[in-house]
Amino acid sequence: MDPRKERTITALLRAAEEVFRERPVADVTVDEIATRAGVAVGSIYNHFGSKAGLHAAVVERALEADRDHMDRAYTSDRTPLQQIYAAADEYLAFYLANPDYFRMLAFPTGPGQYPAGQELAERLARSVSEQNERLTMALRRGIAAGELRDVNVEDVTTVLWAAWNGIISLGWRPDELRRGEAELRRLLTVATDVVATGLLR
């Protein structure tokens, strides 16, 4: 890629991430993003097609970071139960390294009235479902191996995913309920322990 083009794209993505962190996408203008990036407004249309396209590119970066972390959890050297604990650890690591990305994926804003927003919301939901399917498959493997008892794996996946999201969200509370990294890690282990104990044969 041409270095100048690469710098422009990087500047736009960084500016968009900053602005989208502060306000809903619908409230942000392309002029504001371009000004913050220090480039012409036309650069957004040239490289991303629209504000929605730029937002989609930011979300894709978040999804890629999430996939990278989850890949580290579901390794073949781990038992299914170990993979589940590793997934909780990596999900926290993803949040700690990319708190804004985590919020974007775990607690997305409404899609708005335009088709591009609806399409992005559907894409995001599909990607999250794909990651949750890896957890579901680990549960199935554990049941097949006799390590875990037979349960509704889709329900257990949803419970774990929702519990992990809720626990990690304590990390950005503005009050006395806020939790630091060490306590978040402990609480994730507790939540996974509670479910795992109920899963064991």
C-alpha atoms as a PDB file:
ATOM      1  CA  MET A   1       0.000   0.000   0.000  1.00  0.00           C
ATOM      2  CA  ASP A   2       1.165   3.531  -0.759  1.00  0.00           C
ATOM      3  CA  PRO A   3       2.616   5.005   2.490  1.00  0.00           C
ATOM      4  CA  ARG A   4       0.570   8.190   2.171  1.00  0.00           C
ATOM      5  CA  LYS A   5      -2.633   6.232   1.680  1.00  0.00           C
ATOM      6  CA  GLU A   6      -1.762   4.010   4.639  1.00  0.00           C
ATOM      7  CA  ARG A   7      -1.168   7.037   6.872  1.00  0.00           C
ATOM      8  CA  THR A   8      -4.521   8.524   5.863  1.00  0.00           C
ATOM      9  CA  ILE A   9      -6.408   5.299   6.555  1.00  0.00           C
ATOM     10  CA  THR A  10      -4.669   4.858   9.909  1.00  0.00           C
ATOM     11  CA  ALA A  11      -5.446   8.461  10.897  1.00  0.00           C
ATOM     12  CA  LEU A  12      -9.109   8.071   9.926  1.00  0.00           C
ATOM     13  CA  LEU A  13      -9.517   4.808  11.822  1.00  0.00           C
ATOM     14  CA  ARG A  14      -7.866   6.266  14.919  1.00  0.00           C
ATOM     15  CA  ALA A  15     -10.005   9.413  14.786  1.00  0.00           C
ATOM     16  CA  ALA A  16     -13.171   7.398  14.202  1.00  0.00           C
ATOM     17  CA  GLU A  17     -12.425   5.143  17.164  1.00  0.00           C
ATOM     18  CA  GLU A  18     -11.943   8.202  19.394  1.00  0.00           C
ATOM     19  CA  VAL A  19     -15.138   9.911  18.253  1.00  0.00           C
ATOM     20  CA  PHE A  20     -17.291   6.777  18.308  1.00  0.00           C
ATOM     21  CA  ARG A  21     -16.050   6.153  21.850  1.00  0.00           C
ATOM     22  CA  GLU A  22     -17.408   9.523  22.915  1.00  0.00           C
ATOM     23  CA  ARG A  23     -20.790   9.562  21.169  1.00  0.00           C
ATOM     24  CA  PRO A  24     -23.237   7.354  19.251  1.00  0.00           C
ATOM     25  CA  VAL A  25     -22.377   6.872  15.593  1.00  0.00           C
ATOM     26  CA  ALA A  26     -25.552   8.670  14.505  1.00  0.00           C
ATOM     27  CA  ASP A  27     -24.428  11.834  16.325  1.00  0.00           C
ATOM     28  CA  VAL A  28     -20.998  11.936  14.674  1.00  0.00           C
ATOM     29  CA  THR A  29     -20.379  13.754  11.367  1.00  0.00           C
ATOM     30  CA  VAL A  30     -17.854  12.942   8.672  1.00  0.00           C
ATOM     31  CA  ASP A  31     -16.553  16.513   8.972  1.00  0.00           C
ATOM     32  CA  GLU A  32     -15.763  15.953  12.634  1.00  0.00           C
ATOM     33  CA  ILE A  33     -13.897  12.718  11.935  1.00  0.00           C
ATOM     34  CA  ALA A  34     -11.936  14.264   9.068  1.00  0.00           C
ATOM     35  CA  THR A  35     -10.990  17.304  11.152  1.00  0.00           C
ATOM     36  CA  ARG A  36      -9.774  15.133  14.000  1.00  0.00           C
ATOM     37  CA  ALA A  37      -7.790  12.971  11.573  1.00  0.00           C
ATOM     38  CA  GLY A  38      -6.301  16.043   9.879  1.00  0.00           C
ATOM     39  CA  VAL A  39      -7.430  14.971   6.402  1.00  0.00           C
ATOM     40  CA  ALA A  40      -9.972  16.099   3.816  1.00  0.00           C
ATOM     41  CA  VAL A  41     -13.572  14.893   4.151  1.00  0.00           C
ATOM     42  CA  GLY A  42     -13.271  13.308   0.719  1.00  0.00           C
ATOM     43  CA  SER A  43     -10.738  10.846   2.132  1.00  0.00           C
ATOM     44  CA  ILE A  44     -13.500   9.135   4.105  1.00  0.00           C
ATOM     45  CA  TYR A  45     -15.513   8.550   0.936  1.00  0.00           C
ATOM     46  CA  ASN A  46     -12.447   7.588  -1.088  1.00  0.00           C
ATOM     47  CA  HIS A  47     -11.256   4.932   1.367  1.00  0.00           C
ATOM     48  CA  PHE A  48     -14.438   3.778   3.127  1.00  0.00           C
ATOM     49  CA  GLY A  49     -17.341   4.897   0.946  1.00  0.00           C
ATOM     50  CA  SER A  50     -19.289   6.518   3.789  1.00  0.00           C
ATOM     51  CA  LYS A  51     -19.381   7.097   7.533  1.00  0.00           C
ATOM     52  CA  ALA A  52     -21.082   3.708   7.847  1.00  0.00           C
ATOM     53  CA  GLY A  53     -18.236   2.111   5.931  1.00  0.00           C
ATOM     54  CA  LEU A  54     -15.697   3.714   8.249  1.00  0.00           C
ATOM     55  CA  HIS A  55     -17.642   2.553  11.289  1.00  0.00           C
ATOM     56  CA  ALA A  56     -17.775  -0.966   9.825  1.00  0.00           C
ATOM     57  CA  ALA A  57     -13.983  -0.899   9.408  1.00  0.00           C
ATOM     58  CA  VAL A  58     -13.565   0.069  13.072  1.00  0.00           C
ATOM     59  CA  VAL A  59     -15.886  -2.748  14.142  1.00  0.00           C
ATOM     60  CA  GLU A  60     -13.937  -5.192  11.961  1.00  0.00           C
ATOM     61  CA  ARG A  61     -10.737  -4.210  13.784  1.00  0.00           C
ATOM     62  CA  ALA A  62     -12.500  -4.959  17.057  1.00  0.00           C
ATOM     63  CA  LEU A  63     -13.656  -8.333  15.770  1.00  0.00           C
ATOM     64  CA  GLU A  64     -10.162  -9.197  14.575  1.00  0.00           C
ATOM     65  CA  ALA A  65      -8.666  -8.368  17.974  1.00  0.00           C
ATOM     66  CA  ASP A  66     -11.317 -10.513  19.660  1.00  0.00           C
ATOM     67  CA  ARG A  67     -10.623 -13.430  17.289  1.00  0.00           C
ATOM     68  CA  ASP A  68      -6.887 -13.203  17.985  1.00  0.00           C
ATOM     69  CA  HIS A  69      -7.486 -13.542  21.728  1.00  0.00           C
ATOM     70  CA  MET A  70      -9.979 -16.375  21.384  1.00  0.00           C
ATOM     71  CA  ASP A  71      -7.580 -18.267  19.104  1.00  0.00           C
ATOM     72  CA  ARG A  72      -5.194 -18.396  22.054  1.00  0.00           C
ATOM     73  CA  ALA A  73      -7.853 -20.027  24.228  1.00  0.00           C
ATOM     74  CA  TYR A  74      -9.032 -22.832  21.981  1.00  0.00           C
ATOM     75  CA  THR A  75      -5.744 -24.633  21.443  1.00  0.00           C
ATOM     76  CA  SER A  76      -5.541 -28.368  20.879  1.00  0.00           C
ATOM     77  CA  ASP A  77      -3.242 -28.967  23.855  1.00  0.00           C
ATOM     78  CA  ARG A  78      -6.055 -28.078  26.275  1.00  0.00           C
ATOM     79  CA  THR A  79      -8.949 -30.222  27.456  1.00  0.00           C
ATOM     80  CA  PRO A  80     -12.429 -28.822  26.769  1.00  0.00           C
ATOM     81  CA  LEU A  81     -12.754 -27.631  30.366  1.00  0.00           C
ATOM     82  CA  GLN A  82      -9.346 -25.965  30.200  1.00  0.00           C
ATOM     83  CA  GLN A  83     -10.427 -24.232  26.993  1.00  0.00           C
ATOM     84  CA  ILE A  84     -13.467 -22.790  28.768  1.00  0.00           C
ATOM     85  CA  TYR A  85     -11.323 -21.322  31.557  1.00  0.00           C
ATOM     86  CA  ALA A  86      -8.813 -20.051  28.982  1.00  0.00           C
ATOM     87  CA  ALA A  87     -11.639 -18.394  27.034  1.00  0.00           C
ATOM     88  CA  ALA A  88     -12.626 -16.438  30.150  1.00  0.00           C
ATOM     89  CA  ASP A  89      -9.000 -15.394  30.679  1.00  0.00           C
ATOM     90  CA  GLU A  90      -8.560 -14.308  27.071  1.00  0.00           C
ATOM     91  CA  TYR A  91     -11.855 -12.419  27.051  1.00  0.00           C
ATOM     92  CA  LEU A  92     -10.583 -10.397  30.002  1.00  0.00           C
ATOM     93  CA  ALA A  93      -7.235  -9.918  28.245  1.00  0.00           C
ATOM     94  CA  PHE A  94      -9.112  -8.640  25.185  1.00  0.00           C
ATOM     95  CA  TYR A  95     -10.963  -6.125  27.355  1.00  0.00           C
ATOM     96  CA  LEU A  96      -7.821  -4.958  29.165  1.00  0.00           C
ATOM     97  CA  ALA A  97      -5.947  -4.443  25.883  1.00  0.00           C
ATOM     98  CA  ASN A  98      -8.899  -2.953  23.982  1.00  0.00           C
ATOM     99  CA  PRO A  99     -11.592  -1.626  26.356  1.00  0.00           C
ATOM    100  CA  ASP A 100     -13.345   0.369  23.633  1.00  0.00           C
ATOM    101  CA  TYR A 101     -13.382  -2.614  21.286  1.00  0.00           C
ATOM    102  CA  PHE A 102     -14.836  -4.746  24.069  1.00  0.00           C
ATOM    103  CA  ARG A 103     -17.681  -2.305  24.664  1.00  0.00           C
ATOM    104  CA  MET A 104     -18.321  -2.092  20.935  1.00  0.00           C
ATOM    105  CA  LEU A 105     -18.803  -5.859  20.701  1.00  0.00           C
ATOM    106  CA  ALA A 106     -20.361  -6.671  24.074  1.00  0.00           C
ATOM    107  CA  PHE A 107     -22.700  -3.684  24.305  1.00  0.00           C
ATOM    108  CA  PRO A 108     -23.284  -2.359  20.761  1.00  0.00           C
ATOM    109  CA  THR A 109     -25.291   0.776  20.106  1.00  0.00           C
ATOM    110  CA  GLY A 110     -28.579   0.599  18.199  1.00  0.00           C
ATOM    111  CA  PRO A 111     -28.294   0.147  14.426  1.00  0.00           C
ATOM    112  CA  GLY A 112     -30.233   3.318  13.598  1.00  0.00           C
ATOM    113  CA  GLN A 113     -32.616   3.770  10.716  1.00  0.00           C
ATOM    114  CA  TYR A 114     -30.294   3.256   7.753  1.00  0.00           C
ATOM    115  CA  PRO A 115     -29.674  -0.082   5.991  1.00  0.00           C
ATOM    116  CA  ALA A 116     -25.917   0.153   6.529  1.00  0.00           C
ATOM    117  CA  GLY A 117     -26.444   0.259  10.289  1.00  0.00           C
ATOM    118  CA  GLN A 118     -28.784  -2.703  10.159  1.00  0.00           C
ATOM    119  CA  GLU A 119     -26.298  -4.675   8.051  1.00  0.00           C
ATOM    120  CA  LEU A 120     -23.474  -3.913  10.460  1.00  0.00           C
ATOM    121  CA  ALA A 121     -25.598  -4.959  13.460  1.00  0.00           C
ATOM    122  CA  GLU A 122     -26.354  -8.260  11.733  1.00  0.00           C
ATOM    123  CA  ARG A 123     -22.673  -8.758  10.867  1.00  0.00           C
ATOM    124  CA  LEU A 124     -21.674  -8.067  14.460  1.00  0.00           C
ATOM    125  CA  ALA A 125     -24.277 -10.489  15.815  1.00  0.00           C
ATOM    126  CA  ARG A 126     -23.084 -13.194  13.410  1.00  0.00           C
ATOM    127  CA  SER A 127     -19.449 -12.720  14.437  1.00  0.00           C
ATOM    128  CA  VAL A 128     -20.261 -12.882  18.133  1.00  0.00           C
ATOM    129  CA  SER A 129     -22.327 -16.015  17.476  1.00  0.00           C
ATOM    130  CA  GLU A 130     -19.376 -17.559  15.633  1.00  0.00           C
ATOM    131  CA  GLN A 131     -17.127 -16.971  18.636  1.00  0.00           C
ATOM    132  CA  ASN A 132     -19.758 -18.330  21.010  1.00  0.00           C
ATOM    133  CA  GLU A 133     -20.010 -21.423  18.813  1.00  0.00           C
ATOM    134  CA  ARG A 134     -16.402 -22.210  19.711  1.00  0.00           C
ATOM    135  CA  LEU A 135     -17.413 -22.293  23.368  1.00  0.00           C
ATOM    136  CA  THR A 136     -20.398 -24.469  22.459  1.00  0.00           C
ATOM    137  CA  MET A 137     -18.113 -26.886  20.614  1.00  0.00           C
ATOM    138  CA  ALA A 138     -15.774 -27.099  23.614  1.00  0.00           C
ATOM    139  CA  LEU A 139     -18.766 -28.036  25.763  1.00  0.00           C
ATOM    140  CA  ARG A 140     -19.834 -30.679  23.259  1.00  0.00           C
ATOM    141  CA  ARG A 141     -16.348 -32.162  23.184  1.00  0.00           C
ATOM    142  CA  GLY A 142     -16.288 -32.276  26.966  1.00  0.00           C
ATOM    143  CA  ILE A 143     -19.609 -34.115  27.039  1.00  0.00           C
ATOM    144  CA  ALA A 144     -18.484 -36.554  24.338  1.00  0.00           C
ATOM    145  CA  ALA A 145     -15.274 -37.258  26.283  1.00  0.00           C
ATOM    146  CA  GLY A 146     -17.232 -37.946  29.457  1.00  0.00           C
ATOM    147  CA  GLU A 147     -15.618 -34.967  31.217  1.00  0.00           C
ATOM    148  CA  LEU A 148     -18.863 -32.973  31.424  1.00  0.00           C
ATOM    149  CA  ARG A 149     -22.427 -34.050  31.988  1.00  0.00           C
ATOM    150  CA  ASP A 150     -25.024 -33.805  29.235  1.00  0.00           C
ATOM    151  CA  VAL A 151     -26.570 -30.311  29.218  1.00  0.00           C
ATOM    152  CA  ASN A 152     -28.105 -27.845  26.780  1.00  0.00           C
ATOM    153  CA  VAL A 153     -24.796 -26.497  25.494  1.00  0.00           C
ATOM    154  CA  GLU A 154     -26.345 -23.469  23.755  1.00  0.00           C
ATOM    155  CA  ASP A 155     -27.936 -22.321  27.018  1.00  0.00           C
ATOM    156  CA  VAL A 156     -24.712 -22.835  28.973  1.00  0.00           C
ATOM    157  CA  THR A 157     -22.778 -20.877  26.347  1.00  0.00           C
ATOM    158  CA  THR A 158     -25.227 -17.968  26.617  1.00  0.00           C
ATOM    159  CA  VAL A 159     -25.051 -18.003  30.423  1.00  0.00           C
ATOM    160  CA  LEU A 160     -21.241 -17.965  30.429  1.00  0.00           C
ATOM    161  CA  TRP A 161     -20.982 -15.270  27.745  1.00  0.00           C
ATOM    162  CA  ALA A 162     -23.531 -13.038  29.505  1.00  0.00           C
ATOM    163  CA  ALA A 163     -21.886 -13.569  32.895  1.00  0.00           C
ATOM    164  CA  TRP A 164     -18.440 -12.734  31.529  1.00  0.00           C
ATOM    165  CA  ASN A 165     -19.771  -9.568  29.862  1.00  0.00           C
ATOM    166  CA  GLY A 166     -21.462  -8.465  33.065  1.00  0.00           C
ATOM    167  CA  ILE A 167     -18.420  -9.099  35.234  1.00  0.00           C
ATOM    168  CA  ILE A 168     -16.001  -7.348  32.884  1.00  0.00           C
ATOM    169  CA  SER A 169     -18.323  -4.344  32.640  1.00  0.00           C
ATOM    170  CA  LEU A 170     -17.646  -3.733  36.352  1.00  0.00           C
ATOM    171  CA  GLY A 171     -14.232  -2.547  35.191  1.00  0.00           C
ATOM    172  CA  TRP A 172     -15.585   0.758  33.915  1.00  0.00           C
ATOM    173  CA  ARG A 173     -18.236   1.582  36.504  1.00  0.00           C
ATOM    174  CA  PRO A 174     -17.804   5.155  37.822  1.00  0.00           C
ATOM    175  CA  ASP A 175     -18.737   4.277  41.415  1.00  0.00           C
ATOM    176  CA  GLU A 176     -17.622   2.117  44.337  1.00  0.00           C
ATOM    177  CA  LEU A 177     -18.780  -1.014  42.488  1.00  0.00           C
ATOM    178  CA  ARG A 178     -15.902  -0.649  40.038  1.00  0.00           C
ATOM    179  CA  ARG A 179     -13.447  -3.559  40.068  1.00  0.00           C
ATOM    180  CA  GLY A 180      -9.763  -3.660  39.141  1.00  0.00           C
ATOM    181  CA  GLU A 181      -7.986  -6.242  37.012  1.00  0.00           C
ATOM    182  CA  ALA A 182      -7.144  -8.658  39.833  1.00  0.00           C
ATOM    183  CA  GLU A 183     -10.691  -8.722  41.134  1.00  0.00           C
ATOM    184  CA  LEU A 184     -12.180  -9.041  37.651  1.00  0.00           C
ATOM    185  CA  ARG A 185      -9.957 -12.058  37.059  1.00  0.00           C
ATOM    186  CA  ARG A 186     -11.035 -13.601  40.371  1.00  0.00           C
ATOM    187  CA  LEU A 187     -14.740 -12.993  39.669  1.00  0.00           C
ATOM    188  CA  LEU A 188     -14.481 -14.506  36.189  1.00  0.00           C
ATOM    189  CA  THR A 189     -12.915 -17.604  37.717  1.00  0.00           C
ATOM    190  CA  VAL A 190     -15.672 -17.767  40.331  1.00  0.00           C
ATOM    191  CA  ALA A 191     -18.382 -17.499  37.674  1.00  0.00           C
ATOM    192  CA  THR A 192     -16.740 -20.144  35.523  1.00  0.00           C
ATOM    193  CA  ASP A 193     -16.188 -22.361  38.577  1.00  0.00           C
ATOM    194  CA  VAL A 194     -19.875 -22.171  39.476  1.00  0.00           C
ATOM    195  CA  VAL A 195     -20.903 -23.257  35.989  1.00  0.00           C
ATOM    196  CA  ALA A 196     -18.110 -25.822  35.652  1.00  0.00           C
ATOM    197  CA  THR A 197     -18.995 -27.438  38.972  1.00  0.00           C
ATOM    198  CA  GLY A 198     -22.537 -27.815  37.754  1.00  0.00           C
ATOM    199  CA  LEU A 199     -21.259 -29.304  34.496  1.00  0.00           C
ATOM    200  CA  LEU A 200     -18.953 -31.933  35.990  1.00  0.00           C
ATOM    201  CA  ARG A 201     -20.186 -35.485  36.026  1.00  0.00           C
END
